[in-house]
Amino acid sequence: MFTGIVEDIGVVSHLDNNDSTGGTAMTFTIPANSPLLKDCHEGDSIAVNGCCLTVTSFTADAFNVGVAPETLRITNLGALAENSRVNLERAVRADTRMGGHFVQGHVDTTAEILSVTPDGNALTFRFQPKNRDMLRYIIFKGFIAIDGTSLTVTNVNDADGWWEIMLISYSQERVVLAQKKKGDTVNIEVDMMAKYAEKSLAGVLGANSGDAPIPLLEKMVQRIMGKQ
């Protein structure tokens, strides 16, 4: 579990697309004097661009992870190259301030940046998700994790399939999104509370999938009709 508050920006220092296990191995170097790895252990979780990865080994200034093929397909990690910059966050502790929101590190889809528009000293980003179904979980003033950064949705257009966020000047210096441009891809994790709410409501209504009946609504209609 994470908060979406980026701790450091790391750099891809080594990339092996065919390691000894037949998978993809990545090494990320952290800034000098960063506390990110001071309490690290093998097997710990670190969010890399919002994707929860397991530390397989580490030194004082770098750590290694293995990336599964499915992770490469769903996220933008497959587009990383040596010297690429990434957002990093350690897994949350019980005594950590919840400055962002509950982020699982489970990327739902990627999104394309449609535009970047200056607004005073802030930047407004417009995104379009690869999986349009995710739009139903994105609401005005709701939470969203973009490359692992907890951000607030400032505008949504369901008809045209996009939403916007505003990146303040403080955040521009501390997350990788500020350096991205139109056409670039980002990892998206929607607010998991929205998905829980949807499933709970479906259970109450009795709707499982497709054109399944909705017993509760049918009973309500029958009761109303019976009073007429």
Protein backbone atom coordinates (compact mmCIF):
# COMPACT_ATOMS: atom_id res chain seq x y z
CA MET A 1 0.00 0.00 0.00
CA PHE A 2 1.23 3.51 -0.86
CA THR A 3 0.05 7.11 -0.47
CA GLY A 4 0.87 8.60 -3.87
CA ILE A 5 3.33 11.05 -2.30
CA VAL A 6 6.52 10.63 -4.35
CA GLU A 7 9.63 10.42 -2.17
CA ASP A 8 12.35 10.65 -4.80
CA ILE A 9 12.99 10.58 -8.52
CA GLY A 10 15.24 7.69 -9.52
CA VAL A 11 17.07 6.88 -12.76
CA VAL A 12 17.20 3.63 -14.70
CA SER A 13 20.90 2.71 -14.52
CA HIS A 14 20.67 -0.80 -15.98
CA LEU A 15 18.11 -2.66 -18.05
CA ASP A 16 18.25 -6.34 -18.99
CA ASN A 17 15.37 -7.63 -21.12
CA ASN A 18 16.59 -11.24 -20.89
CA ASP A 19 18.08 -11.90 -17.47
CA SER A 20 19.09 -15.27 -16.03
CA THR A 21 15.44 -16.11 -15.33
CA GLY A 22 14.30 -15.21 -18.83
CA GLY A 23 12.52 -12.09 -17.60
CA THR A 24 13.28 -8.38 -17.39
CA ALA A 25 15.54 -6.98 -14.69
CA MET A 26 15.92 -3.27 -13.91
CA THR A 27 18.28 -1.32 -11.70
CA PHE A 28 17.27 2.09 -10.36
CA THR A 29 19.76 4.55 -8.91
CA ILE A 30 18.54 7.01 -6.28
CA PRO A 31 19.81 10.55 -5.55
CA ALA A 32 22.75 11.05 -3.21
CA ASN A 33 21.75 11.27 0.46
CA SER A 34 18.28 9.87 -0.29
CA PRO A 35 16.76 8.00 2.69
CA LEU A 36 14.81 5.69 0.37
CA LEU A 37 16.97 2.60 0.96
CA LYS A 38 18.16 3.24 4.52
CA ASP A 39 15.59 0.85 6.00
CA CYS A 40 15.32 -1.38 2.93
CA HIS A 41 15.26 -5.19 3.00
CA GLU A 42 15.18 -7.72 0.20
CA GLY A 43 11.55 -8.44 -0.61
CA ASP A 44 10.36 -4.92 0.25
CA SER A 45 7.91 -3.17 -2.05
CA ILE A 46 8.76 0.07 -3.83
CA ALA A 47 6.39 1.82 -6.22
CA VAL A 48 8.11 2.69 -9.50
CA ASN A 49 5.94 5.07 -11.54
CA GLY A 50 3.03 3.81 -9.46
CA CYS A 51 3.75 0.12 -10.08
CA CYS A 52 4.43 -1.98 -6.97
CA LEU A 53 7.69 -3.89 -7.51
CA THR A 54 9.70 -6.19 -5.24
CA VAL A 55 13.30 -5.35 -4.33
CA THR A 56 15.47 -8.35 -5.24
CA SER A 57 18.76 -6.80 -4.10
CA PHE A 58 20.13 -3.37 -3.26
CA THR A 59 23.15 -1.26 -2.37
CA ALA A 60 23.38 2.10 -0.62
CA ASP A 61 22.39 4.01 -3.74
CA ALA A 62 20.57 1.56 -6.05
CA PHE A 63 18.11 -1.32 -6.06
CA ASN A 64 17.18 -4.11 -8.43
CA VAL A 65 13.76 -5.48 -9.39
CA GLY A 66 12.36 -8.12 -11.68
CA VAL A 67 9.48 -7.12 -13.92
CA ALA A 68 6.93 -9.70 -15.10
CA PRO A 69 5.75 -9.75 -18.75
CA GLU A 70 2.19 -8.88 -17.68
CA THR A 71 3.48 -5.80 -15.86
CA LEU A 72 5.29 -4.68 -19.00
CA ARG A 73 2.10 -5.13 -21.04
CA ILE A 74 -0.17 -3.18 -18.68
CA THR A 75 2.16 -0.36 -17.59
CA ASN A 76 4.59 2.08 -19.21
CA LEU A 77 7.60 0.35 -17.64
CA GLY A 78 8.28 -1.44 -20.91
CA ALA A 79 9.02 1.93 -22.51
CA LEU A 80 11.75 2.75 -20.00
CA ALA A 81 15.35 2.99 -21.21
CA GLU A 82 18.63 3.64 -19.45
CA ASN A 83 18.65 7.15 -17.94
CA SER A 84 14.84 7.31 -17.85
CA ARG A 85 13.56 9.07 -14.73
CA VAL A 86 10.94 7.44 -12.51
CA ASN A 87 8.88 8.29 -9.44
CA LEU A 88 9.75 6.26 -6.33
CA GLU A 89 7.83 5.66 -3.12
CA ARG A 90 8.36 3.11 -0.34
CA ALA A 91 5.41 1.11 0.96
CA VAL A 92 3.43 2.98 3.61
CA ARG A 93 4.02 2.36 7.32
CA ALA A 94 1.36 2.38 10.02
CA ASP A 95 2.70 5.66 11.44
CA THR A 96 2.92 7.48 8.09
CA ARG A 97 0.81 10.60 7.48
CA MET A 98 -1.71 9.90 4.72
CA GLY A 99 -0.89 12.96 2.64
CA GLY A 100 -2.33 11.53 -0.57
CA HIS A 101 -4.81 8.65 -0.83
CA PHE A 102 -4.78 4.85 -0.65
CA VAL A 103 -2.76 3.65 -3.64
CA GLN A 104 -2.26 -0.09 -4.18
CA GLY A 105 0.47 0.08 -6.78
CA HIS A 106 -1.74 -1.97 -9.13
CA VAL A 107 -1.90 -0.10 -12.43
CA ASP A 108 -5.34 -0.25 -14.06
CA THR A 109 -4.41 1.12 -17.47
CA THR A 110 -2.16 3.60 -19.22
CA ALA A 111 -3.23 6.96 -20.58
CA GLU A 112 -1.99 9.28 -23.29
CA ILE A 113 -1.30 12.93 -22.57
CA LEU A 114 -3.55 14.88 -24.94
CA SER A 115 -2.31 18.34 -23.99
CA VAL A 116 -0.24 20.32 -21.50
CA THR A 117 -1.46 23.88 -20.92
CA PRO A 118 0.22 26.48 -18.68
CA ASP A 119 -2.10 28.19 -16.19
CA GLY A 120 -0.15 30.80 -14.28
CA ASN A 121 2.67 28.88 -12.58
CA ALA A 122 0.70 25.61 -12.81
CA LEU A 123 0.29 23.11 -15.65
CA THR A 124 -3.01 21.57 -16.72
CA PHE A 125 -2.66 18.05 -18.15
CA ARG A 126 -5.39 16.36 -20.18
CA PHE A 127 -5.39 12.55 -20.40
CA GLN A 128 -7.21 9.89 -22.40
CA PRO A 129 -7.13 6.32 -21.02
CA LYS A 130 -6.25 3.32 -23.14
CA ASN A 131 -9.08 1.45 -21.41
CA ARG A 132 -12.11 3.75 -21.68
CA ASP A 133 -14.00 1.66 -19.09
CA MET A 134 -11.82 3.26 -16.42
CA LEU A 135 -13.54 6.60 -16.96
CA ARG A 136 -16.49 5.50 -14.86
CA TYR A 137 -14.23 5.57 -11.79
CA ILE A 138 -12.88 9.06 -12.48
CA ILE A 139 -14.92 11.87 -10.98
CA PHE A 140 -14.60 15.63 -10.59
CA LYS A 141 -12.53 16.43 -7.47
CA GLY A 142 -11.81 12.72 -6.98
CA PHE A 143 -8.43 11.08 -6.42
CA ILE A 144 -6.32 9.48 -9.14
CA ALA A 145 -2.74 8.14 -9.18
CA ILE A 146 -0.74 9.15 -12.27
CA ASP A 147 2.69 7.50 -12.48
CA GLY A 148 2.23 6.91 -8.76
CA THR A 149 1.50 10.55 -7.94
CA SER A 150 -1.69 11.26 -5.98
CA LEU A 151 -3.54 14.02 -7.83
CA THR A 152 -6.98 15.64 -7.83
CA VAL A 153 -9.19 15.47 -10.92
CA THR A 154 -10.13 19.02 -11.98
CA ASN A 155 -12.29 18.24 -15.03
CA VAL A 156 -13.91 15.19 -16.65
CA ASN A 157 -15.51 14.77 -20.07
CA ASP A 158 -17.08 11.31 -20.33
CA ALA A 159 -18.46 11.92 -23.82
CA ASP A 160 -15.06 12.74 -25.33
CA GLY A 161 -13.20 10.37 -23.01
CA TRP A 162 -10.75 12.59 -21.14
CA TRP A 163 -10.01 14.13 -17.76
CA GLU A 164 -7.66 16.81 -16.46
CA ILE A 165 -5.47 17.50 -13.45
CA MET A 166 -3.50 20.58 -12.43
CA LEU A 167 0.15 20.25 -11.40
CA ILE A 168 1.27 23.06 -9.09
CA SER A 169 4.79 24.50 -9.25
CA TYR A 170 5.88 22.69 -6.06
CA SER A 171 4.99 19.30 -7.56
CA GLN A 172 6.58 20.14 -10.91
CA GLU A 173 10.00 19.99 -9.25
CA ARG A 174 9.35 16.64 -7.56
CA VAL A 175 7.57 14.29 -10.00
CA VAL A 176 8.37 13.03 -13.49
CA LEU A 177 5.02 14.10 -14.95
CA ALA A 178 6.18 17.72 -15.23
CA GLN A 179 8.77 16.70 -17.83
CA LYS A 180 6.32 14.76 -19.98
CA LYS A 181 4.62 16.16 -23.06
CA LYS A 182 1.74 15.60 -25.45
CA GLY A 183 1.76 12.03 -26.76
CA ASP A 184 3.64 10.54 -23.79
CA THR A 185 2.14 7.69 -21.79
CA VAL A 186 1.51 7.51 -18.03
CA ASN A 187 0.40 4.78 -15.62
CA ILE A 188 -3.08 5.17 -14.16
CA GLU A 189 -4.55 3.71 -10.98
CA VAL A 190 -8.08 4.83 -10.23
CA ASP A 191 -9.36 5.21 -6.66
CA MET A 192 -9.93 1.67 -5.40
CA MET A 193 -12.80 2.90 -3.21
CA ALA A 194 -14.79 3.59 -6.38
CA LYS A 195 -14.38 -0.03 -7.48
CA TYR A 196 -15.44 -1.35 -4.07
CA ALA A 197 -18.50 0.91 -4.14
CA GLU A 198 -19.45 -0.28 -7.61
CA LYS A 199 -19.23 -3.96 -6.64
CA SER A 200 -21.16 -3.42 -3.42
CA LEU A 201 -23.92 -1.58 -5.25
CA ALA A 202 -24.10 -4.31 -7.87
CA GLY A 203 -24.60 -6.83 -5.08
CA VAL A 204 -27.42 -4.81 -3.54
CA LEU A 205 -29.15 -4.38 -6.88
CA GLY A 206 -28.63 -8.00 -7.82
CA ALA A 207 -26.91 -7.15 -11.09
CA ASN A 208 -23.97 -9.40 -11.88
CA SER A 209 -23.16 -8.67 -15.51
CA GLY A 210 -24.55 -7.81 -18.91
CA ASP A 211 -28.34 -7.81 -19.03
CA ALA A 212 -28.83 -9.57 -15.69
CA PRO A 213 -32.05 -8.66 -13.86
CA ILE A 214 -32.08 -6.12 -11.03
CA PRO A 215 -34.45 -7.60 -8.43
CA LEU A 216 -34.34 -4.68 -6.01
CA LEU A 217 -35.34 -2.15 -8.65
CA GLU A 218 -38.03 -4.49 -9.94
CA LYS A 219 -39.51 -4.79 -6.45
CA MET A 220 -39.46 -1.02 -6.01
CA VAL A 221 -41.29 -0.51 -9.31
CA GLN A 222 -43.81 -3.22 -8.44
CA ARG A 223 -44.48 -1.58 -5.05
CA ILE A 224 -44.99 1.83 -6.67
CA MET A 225 -47.27 0.38 -9.33
CA GLY A 226 -49.24 -1.49 -6.66
CA LYS A 227 -50.08 1.74 -4.87
CA GLN A 228 -51.64 3.27 -7.96
